[in-house]
């Protein structure tokens, strides 16, 4: 059907061809069954599993019981249509959204915007310090997501060393000498301590020294 459909042409699809799946109408699947399938997807994310049509079908078929296989008896095409019908779409996965949607982060973002608007009304010039990170294995696969925090994939420690990237700039562009790139000693969690803290404090002072 789509890019994700074309990925199922391997051995698993050959096995399924030996035993055709029964035709199931999406409209015939009631709200209770849809809720069970939705919860099965959330549980896959809790286990940090990659959610595709094939992996979800495996979960629904391998685990018989009221919460899985006895609920859905269709194939990939029916499941594809059902996922769209209950609000899921095939999109890129990012572990950063988990952090962005944290309650404390959201509260600080609102406080920042209030202060920014207040200072902007006084015609102040702003210098923004931007901080982000990247992994050597930062290849973001696609997965079935519904836009909620429950379908945000968490970063695995096996993704490699984390590199911290910082720069400062404003309305006239980036500031000279304010950039910083270094490898963090932590692949996950907070990196604002120890040697990293000293390097971050150093770059925090660079924009101030460059201001007229």
C-alpha atoms as a PDB file:
ATOM      1  CA  UNK A   1       0.000   0.000   0.000  1.00  0.00           C
ATOM      2  CA  UNK A   2       2.690   2.443   1.010  1.00  0.00           C
ATOM      3  CA  UNK A   3       6.408   2.661   1.767  1.00  0.00           C
ATOM      4  CA  UNK A   4       5.764   0.659   4.939  1.00  0.00           C
ATOM      5  CA  UNK A   5       3.789  -1.976   3.020  1.00  0.00           C
ATOM      6  CA  UNK A   6       6.713  -2.577   0.636  1.00  0.00           C
ATOM      7  CA  UNK A   7       8.956  -3.496   3.563  1.00  0.00           C
ATOM      8  CA  UNK A   8       7.025  -6.686   4.205  1.00  0.00           C
ATOM      9  CA  UNK A   9       8.182  -8.623   1.123  1.00  0.00           C
ATOM     10  CA  UNK A  10      10.657 -10.867   2.996  1.00  0.00           C
ATOM     11  CA  UNK A  11      10.337 -14.308   4.568  1.00  0.00           C
ATOM     12  CA  UNK A  12       7.513 -13.284   6.889  1.00  0.00           C
ATOM     13  CA  UNK A  13       5.258 -12.341   3.948  1.00  0.00           C
ATOM     14  CA  UNK A  14       6.004 -15.673   2.241  1.00  0.00           C
ATOM     15  CA  UNK A  15       4.883 -17.529   5.343  1.00  0.00           C
ATOM     16  CA  UNK A  16       1.631 -15.595   5.441  1.00  0.00           C
ATOM     17  CA  UNK A  17       0.903 -16.412   1.789  1.00  0.00           C
ATOM     18  CA  UNK A  18       0.777 -20.098   2.716  1.00  0.00           C
ATOM     19  CA  UNK A  19      -2.211 -19.392   4.951  1.00  0.00           C
ATOM     20  CA  UNK A  20      -4.441 -16.582   3.641  1.00  0.00           C
ATOM     21  CA  UNK A  21      -5.867 -14.373   6.338  1.00  0.00           C
ATOM     22  CA  UNK A  22      -9.641 -14.010   6.501  1.00  0.00           C
ATOM     23  CA  UNK A  23     -11.211 -10.857   5.136  1.00  0.00           C
ATOM     24  CA  UNK A  24     -12.121  -8.500   7.952  1.00  0.00           C
ATOM     25  CA  UNK A  25     -13.998  -5.236   7.507  1.00  0.00           C
ATOM     26  CA  UNK A  26     -12.576  -2.243   9.374  1.00  0.00           C
ATOM     27  CA  UNK A  27     -16.115  -1.075  10.064  1.00  0.00           C
ATOM     28  CA  UNK A  28     -16.864  -4.393  11.778  1.00  0.00           C
ATOM     29  CA  UNK A  29     -14.193  -3.817  14.446  1.00  0.00           C
ATOM     30  CA  UNK A  30     -15.931  -2.239  17.448  1.00  0.00           C
ATOM     31  CA  UNK A  31     -14.615   0.406  19.851  1.00  0.00           C
ATOM     32  CA  UNK A  32     -13.605  -2.143  22.484  1.00  0.00           C
ATOM     33  CA  UNK A  33     -11.425  -4.084  20.035  1.00  0.00           C
ATOM     34  CA  UNK A  34      -9.914  -0.857  18.718  1.00  0.00           C
ATOM     35  CA  UNK A  35      -9.019   0.146  22.259  1.00  0.00           C
ATOM     36  CA  UNK A  36      -7.295  -3.191  22.840  1.00  0.00           C
ATOM     37  CA  UNK A  37      -5.196  -2.750  19.690  1.00  0.00           C
ATOM     38  CA  UNK A  38      -4.323   0.801  20.721  1.00  0.00           C
ATOM     39  CA  UNK A  39      -3.163  -0.448  24.129  1.00  0.00           C
ATOM     40  CA  UNK A  40      -1.099  -3.172  22.446  1.00  0.00           C
ATOM     41  CA  UNK A  41       0.755  -0.439  20.526  1.00  0.00           C
ATOM     42  CA  UNK A  42       1.354   1.584  23.696  1.00  0.00           C
ATOM     43  CA  UNK A  43       2.736  -1.531  25.400  1.00  0.00           C
ATOM     44  CA  UNK A  44       5.138  -2.036  22.483  1.00  0.00           C
ATOM     45  CA  UNK A  45       6.428   1.504  23.015  1.00  0.00           C
ATOM     46  CA  UNK A  46       6.795   0.784  26.739  1.00  0.00           C
ATOM     47  CA  UNK A  47       9.030  -2.149  25.754  1.00  0.00           C
ATOM     48  CA  UNK A  48      10.939   0.159  23.371  1.00  0.00           C
ATOM     49  CA  UNK A  49       9.912  -1.925  20.344  1.00  0.00           C
ATOM     50  CA  UNK A  50       9.679  -0.635  16.773  1.00  0.00           C
ATOM     51  CA  UNK A  51       5.997  -0.545  15.764  1.00  0.00           C
ATOM     52  CA  UNK A  52       5.387  -1.577  12.144  1.00  0.00           C
ATOM     53  CA  UNK A  53       2.523  -3.461  10.531  1.00  0.00           C
ATOM     54  CA  UNK A  54       4.480  -6.717  10.738  1.00  0.00           C
ATOM     55  CA  UNK A  55       5.691  -6.321  14.330  1.00  0.00           C
ATOM     56  CA  UNK A  56       2.208  -5.318  15.491  1.00  0.00           C
ATOM     57  CA  UNK A  57       0.644  -8.285  13.681  1.00  0.00           C
ATOM     58  CA  UNK A  58       3.162 -10.581  15.365  1.00  0.00           C
ATOM     59  CA  UNK A  59       2.165  -9.209  18.768  1.00  0.00           C
ATOM     60  CA  UNK A  60      -1.542  -9.572  18.037  1.00  0.00           C
ATOM     61  CA  UNK A  61      -1.161 -13.141  16.760  1.00  0.00           C
ATOM     62  CA  UNK A  62       1.509 -14.630  19.013  1.00  0.00           C
ATOM     63  CA  UNK A  63      -0.192 -13.635  22.278  1.00  0.00           C
ATOM     64  CA  UNK A  64      -3.661 -15.235  22.366  1.00  0.00           C
ATOM     65  CA  UNK A  65      -6.124 -13.876  24.866  1.00  0.00           C
ATOM     66  CA  UNK A  66      -8.685 -11.110  25.424  1.00  0.00           C
ATOM     67  CA  UNK A  67      -6.093  -8.379  24.911  1.00  0.00           C
ATOM     68  CA  UNK A  68      -4.484  -9.544  21.657  1.00  0.00           C
ATOM     69  CA  UNK A  69      -4.892 -12.251  19.017  1.00  0.00           C
ATOM     70  CA  UNK A  70      -8.562 -13.118  19.539  1.00  0.00           C
ATOM     71  CA  UNK A  71      -9.427  -9.471  18.887  1.00  0.00           C
ATOM     72  CA  UNK A  72      -7.881  -8.963  15.429  1.00  0.00           C
ATOM     73  CA  UNK A  73      -7.982 -11.639  12.726  1.00  0.00           C
ATOM     74  CA  UNK A  74      -7.272  -9.479   9.665  1.00  0.00           C
ATOM     75  CA  UNK A  75      -4.135  -8.948   7.595  1.00  0.00           C
ATOM     76  CA  UNK A  76      -1.733  -6.097   6.849  1.00  0.00           C
ATOM     77  CA  UNK A  77      -4.112  -4.179   4.581  1.00  0.00           C
ATOM     78  CA  UNK A  78      -6.937  -4.212   7.112  1.00  0.00           C
ATOM     79  CA  UNK A  79      -4.561  -3.289   9.939  1.00  0.00           C
ATOM     80  CA  UNK A  80      -3.159  -0.420   7.856  1.00  0.00           C
ATOM     81  CA  UNK A  81      -6.651   0.995   7.313  1.00  0.00           C
ATOM     82  CA  UNK A  82      -7.604   0.455  10.949  1.00  0.00           C
ATOM     83  CA  UNK A  83      -4.541   2.283  12.291  1.00  0.00           C
ATOM     84  CA  UNK A  84      -5.392   5.345  10.199  1.00  0.00           C
ATOM     85  CA  UNK A  85      -9.006   5.070  11.310  1.00  0.00           C
ATOM     86  CA  UNK A  86      -8.055   5.228  15.015  1.00  0.00           C
ATOM     87  CA  UNK A  87      -5.682   8.166  14.592  1.00  0.00           C
ATOM     88  CA  UNK A  88      -2.276   6.606  13.900  1.00  0.00           C
ATOM     89  CA  UNK A  89       0.058   7.546  11.045  1.00  0.00           C
ATOM     90  CA  UNK A  90       3.421   6.323   9.701  1.00  0.00           C
ATOM     91  CA  UNK A  91       5.883   9.036  10.749  1.00  0.00           C
ATOM     92  CA  UNK A  92       9.430   9.652  11.925  1.00  0.00           C
ATOM     93  CA  UNK A  93      10.354   8.709  15.462  1.00  0.00           C
ATOM     94  CA  UNK A  94      12.152  11.130  17.780  1.00  0.00           C
ATOM     95  CA  UNK A  95      13.105  10.618  21.416  1.00  0.00           C
ATOM     96  CA  UNK A  96      13.418  14.371  21.904  1.00  0.00           C
ATOM     97  CA  UNK A  97       9.674  14.899  21.968  1.00  0.00           C
ATOM     98  CA  UNK A  98       9.503  12.956  25.233  1.00  0.00           C
ATOM     99  CA  UNK A  99      11.710  15.561  26.877  1.00  0.00           C
ATOM    100  CA  UNK A 100       9.945  18.490  25.196  1.00  0.00           C
ATOM    101  CA  UNK A 101       6.571  17.352  26.533  1.00  0.00           C
ATOM    102  CA  UNK A 102       7.788  16.943  30.119  1.00  0.00           C
ATOM    103  CA  UNK A 103       5.583  18.975  32.496  1.00  0.00           C
ATOM    104  CA  UNK A 104       8.519  20.907  33.995  1.00  0.00           C
ATOM    105  CA  UNK A 105       9.930  21.753  30.570  1.00  0.00           C
ATOM    106  CA  UNK A 106       6.535  22.981  29.367  1.00  0.00           C
ATOM    107  CA  UNK A 107       6.169  25.217  32.446  1.00  0.00           C
ATOM    108  CA  UNK A 108       9.619  26.746  31.926  1.00  0.00           C
ATOM    109  CA  UNK A 109       8.856  27.331  28.253  1.00  0.00           C
ATOM    110  CA  UNK A 110       5.707  29.281  29.158  1.00  0.00           C
ATOM    111  CA  UNK A 111       7.615  31.351  31.731  1.00  0.00           C
ATOM    112  CA  UNK A 112      10.291  32.140  29.151  1.00  0.00           C
ATOM    113  CA  UNK A 113       7.752  33.264  26.555  1.00  0.00           C
ATOM    114  CA  UNK A 114       6.048  35.586  29.055  1.00  0.00           C
ATOM    115  CA  UNK A 115       9.379  37.207  29.969  1.00  0.00           C
ATOM    116  CA  UNK A 116      10.431  37.414  26.316  1.00  0.00           C
ATOM    117  CA  UNK A 117       7.247  39.224  25.289  1.00  0.00           C
ATOM    118  CA  UNK A 118       7.669  41.653  28.168  1.00  0.00           C
ATOM    119  CA  UNK A 119      11.260  42.518  27.178  1.00  0.00           C
ATOM    120  CA  UNK A 120      10.408  42.613  23.462  1.00  0.00           C
ATOM    121  CA  UNK A 121       7.812  45.290  24.174  1.00  0.00           C
ATOM    122  CA  UNK A 122      10.662  47.409  25.581  1.00  0.00           C
ATOM    123  CA  UNK A 123      12.585  47.171  22.259  1.00  0.00           C
ATOM    124  CA  UNK A 124      15.454  45.119  23.676  1.00  0.00           C
ATOM    125  CA  UNK A 125      17.928  43.333  21.412  1.00  0.00           C
ATOM    126  CA  UNK A 126      18.147  39.611  22.076  1.00  0.00           C
ATOM    127  CA  UNK A 127      20.973  37.098  21.904  1.00  0.00           C
ATOM    128  CA  UNK A 128      19.773  33.498  21.951  1.00  0.00           C
ATOM    129  CA  UNK A 129      21.926  30.622  23.173  1.00  0.00           C
ATOM    130  CA  UNK A 130      20.850  27.439  21.393  1.00  0.00           C
ATOM    131  CA  UNK A 131      21.788  24.041  22.798  1.00  0.00           C
ATOM    132  CA  UNK A 132      21.077  20.632  21.281  1.00  0.00           C
ATOM    133  CA  UNK A 133      22.645  17.195  20.918  1.00  0.00           C
ATOM    134  CA  UNK A 134      23.125  14.497  18.297  1.00  0.00           C
ATOM    135  CA  UNK A 135      24.126  10.831  18.277  1.00  0.00           C
ATOM    136  CA  UNK A 136      26.390   9.096  15.711  1.00  0.00           C
ATOM    137  CA  UNK A 137      23.516   6.659  15.193  1.00  0.00           C
ATOM    138  CA  UNK A 138      20.911   9.405  14.954  1.00  0.00           C
ATOM    139  CA  UNK A 139      19.061   7.695  12.102  1.00  0.00           C
ATOM    140  CA  UNK A 140      15.399   8.191  12.897  1.00  0.00           C
ATOM    141  CA  UNK A 141      13.241   5.266  11.699  1.00  0.00           C
ATOM    142  CA  UNK A 142       9.535   5.614  11.094  1.00  0.00           C
ATOM    143  CA  UNK A 143       6.894   4.085  13.295  1.00  0.00           C
ATOM    144  CA  UNK A 144       3.134   4.124  13.794  1.00  0.00           C
ATOM    145  CA  UNK A 145       2.307   7.057  16.088  1.00  0.00           C
ATOM    146  CA  UNK A 146      -0.826   8.878  17.212  1.00  0.00           C
ATOM    147  CA  UNK A 147       0.788  12.151  18.314  1.00  0.00           C
ATOM    148  CA  UNK A 148       0.580  11.403  22.037  1.00  0.00           C
ATOM    149  CA  UNK A 149       3.431  11.057  24.521  1.00  0.00           C
ATOM    150  CA  UNK A 150       2.679   7.333  24.745  1.00  0.00           C
ATOM    151  CA  UNK A 151       4.061   6.838  21.227  1.00  0.00           C
ATOM    152  CA  UNK A 152       7.341   8.678  21.816  1.00  0.00           C
ATOM    153  CA  UNK A 153      10.326   6.351  21.519  1.00  0.00           C
ATOM    154  CA  UNK A 154      12.867   6.693  24.304  1.00  0.00           C
ATOM    155  CA  UNK A 155      16.559   6.880  23.505  1.00  0.00           C
ATOM    156  CA  UNK A 156      18.504   3.654  24.041  1.00  0.00           C
ATOM    157  CA  UNK A 157      21.970   3.683  25.701  1.00  0.00           C
ATOM    158  CA  UNK A 158      23.185   1.669  22.705  1.00  0.00           C
ATOM    159  CA  UNK A 159      22.794   4.637  20.374  1.00  0.00           C
ATOM    160  CA  UNK A 160      26.406   5.664  21.041  1.00  0.00           C
ATOM    161  CA  UNK A 161      28.230   8.696  22.395  1.00  0.00           C
ATOM    162  CA  UNK A 162      26.288  11.950  22.586  1.00  0.00           C
ATOM    163  CA  UNK A 163      27.701  15.148  21.056  1.00  0.00           C
ATOM    164  CA  UNK A 164      26.614  18.516  22.472  1.00  0.00           C
ATOM    165  CA  UNK A 165      26.240  21.446  20.056  1.00  0.00           C
ATOM    166  CA  UNK A 166      25.844  25.086  21.159  1.00  0.00           C
ATOM    167  CA  UNK A 167      25.840  28.467  19.439  1.00  0.00           C
ATOM    168  CA  UNK A 168      24.628  32.003  20.125  1.00  0.00           C
ATOM    169  CA  UNK A 169      23.113  34.570  17.814  1.00  0.00           C
ATOM    170  CA  UNK A 170      20.482  37.203  17.275  1.00  0.00           C
ATOM    171  CA  UNK A 171      18.874  39.320  14.613  1.00  0.00           C
ATOM    172  CA  UNK A 172      22.205  39.937  12.892  1.00  0.00           C
ATOM    173  CA  UNK A 173      23.241  36.284  12.757  1.00  0.00           C
ATOM    174  CA  UNK A 174      25.512  34.012  14.773  1.00  0.00           C
ATOM    175  CA  UNK A 175      28.100  35.559  17.066  1.00  0.00           C
ATOM    176  CA  UNK A 176      31.772  34.961  16.322  1.00  0.00           C
ATOM    177  CA  UNK A 177      33.533  32.696  18.827  1.00  0.00           C
ATOM    178  CA  UNK A 178      30.331  31.608  20.546  1.00  0.00           C
ATOM    179  CA  UNK A 179      30.087  28.091  19.092  1.00  0.00           C
ATOM    180  CA  UNK A 180      30.915  24.896  20.964  1.00  0.00           C
ATOM    181  CA  UNK A 181      30.945  21.200  20.023  1.00  0.00           C
ATOM    182  CA  UNK A 182      32.085  18.464  22.391  1.00  0.00           C
ATOM    183  CA  UNK A 183      31.443  14.812  23.234  1.00  0.00           C
ATOM    184  CA  UNK A 184      29.527  14.209  26.444  1.00  0.00           C
ATOM    185  CA  UNK A 185      30.599  11.526  28.877  1.00  0.00           C
ATOM    186  CA  UNK A 186      26.941  10.471  29.223  1.00  0.00           C
ATOM    187  CA  UNK A 187      24.931   8.814  26.474  1.00  0.00           C
ATOM    188  CA  UNK A 188      21.652   9.504  28.272  1.00  0.00           C
ATOM    189  CA  UNK A 189      20.270  11.534  31.166  1.00  0.00           C
ATOM    190  CA  UNK A 190      21.347  15.024  32.240  1.00  0.00           C
ATOM    191  CA  UNK A 191      24.779  16.075  30.953  1.00  0.00           C
ATOM    192  CA  UNK A 192      25.006  19.430  32.809  1.00  0.00           C
ATOM    193  CA  UNK A 193      27.449  18.259  35.467  1.00  0.00           C
ATOM    194  CA  UNK A 194      31.194  17.633  35.891  1.00  0.00           C
ATOM    195  CA  UNK A 195      33.399  18.493  32.909  1.00  0.00           C
ATOM    196  CA  UNK A 196      30.339  19.195  30.778  1.00  0.00           C
ATOM    197  CA  UNK A 197      29.170  21.848  33.245  1.00  0.00           C
ATOM    198  CA  UNK A 198      32.490  23.704  33.018  1.00  0.00           C
ATOM    199  CA  UNK A 199      32.400  23.702  29.225  1.00  0.00           C
ATOM    200  CA  UNK A 200      28.795  24.880  29.136  1.00  0.00           C
ATOM    201  CA  UNK A 201      29.546  27.679  31.621  1.00  0.00           C
ATOM    202  CA  UNK A 202      32.440  28.789  29.421  1.00  0.00           C
ATOM    203  CA  UNK A 203      30.278  29.090  26.321  1.00  0.00           C
ATOM    204  CA  UNK A 204      27.568  30.884  28.351  1.00  0.00           C
ATOM    205  CA  UNK A 205      30.110  33.649  29.058  1.00  0.00           C
ATOM    206  CA  UNK A 206      31.336  34.009  25.462  1.00  0.00           C
ATOM    207  CA  UNK A 207      28.290  35.886  24.075  1.00  0.00           C
ATOM    208  CA  UNK A 208      28.400  38.325  27.011  1.00  0.00           C
ATOM    209  CA  UNK A 209      32.060  39.112  26.326  1.00  0.00           C
ATOM    210  CA  UNK A 210      31.294  39.730  22.641  1.00  0.00           C
ATOM    211  CA  UNK A 211      28.492  42.213  23.249  1.00  0.00           C
ATOM    212  CA  UNK A 212      29.268  45.899  22.577  1.00  0.00           C
END
